[in-house]
Amino acid sequence: MAMTIHEDLQSISGDWLELEALPTASVHQSMAWSRAWSEVAGTEVCVLDYSHRGTRIILPLELKSAAFARLARPLGTKFSNLNAPLAQLSTDFDHEHFLHSVAYALTDYADLLLVGSSVLSWRGQDNPLRGMSRIPRVNPSFQLELEPTMESTIAKLDAKKRMKLQRASKRRLEAAGGW
């Protein structure tokens, strides 16, 4: 079976910590952050564990009941800039198979899977949930790639700001008749 559901975070901690060590992992995908979120929020949690043809994906979800539906969404959706599962994808990863497996596995837990603040790729790896997201993230500012030093990272931000100011000055000068 490609998909397993765990009803507590601890039951999958060994595999989770292994994936957490990958360079594609974010702080919002860590076991410590997920455990802290579930304890503070006090919501029911389940973890989807997908393993198929060299691909390994762990997706922690919080479960809530709404007016007419049971909802599942990534932990901390409202407060996280990145809602993507912790993943190690093989070269022949099949997005459709994964999404169908998620839908089938959640039938006893949720009617809807809500994914907000999703990106198409993260640190050079496709987001396994990208087939669900049809509208790109409006504010991609959190996607700033970190450089080896803080100075070079800030320099990228400064360069972007300078270019924006230069384009505005150029537009004003052209509106006034040119150089």
Foldseek 3Di string as FASTA:
>chain_A
DFKDKDFDLVVCQVVQVVLCPDPQHDPLAHSVNQVVLCVVVVFGKMWIWGDDDHKTWIFIWGWDDDDPWIEIEGGPQVNDLERAIRIDDDPPDDLVVVVVVVCVVCPVGTDYYDYPNYAQATPPGGGSCNVVDDDHDPDPPVRQDDDPDPVVSVVVVVVVVVVVVVVVVQVVQVVVPHD
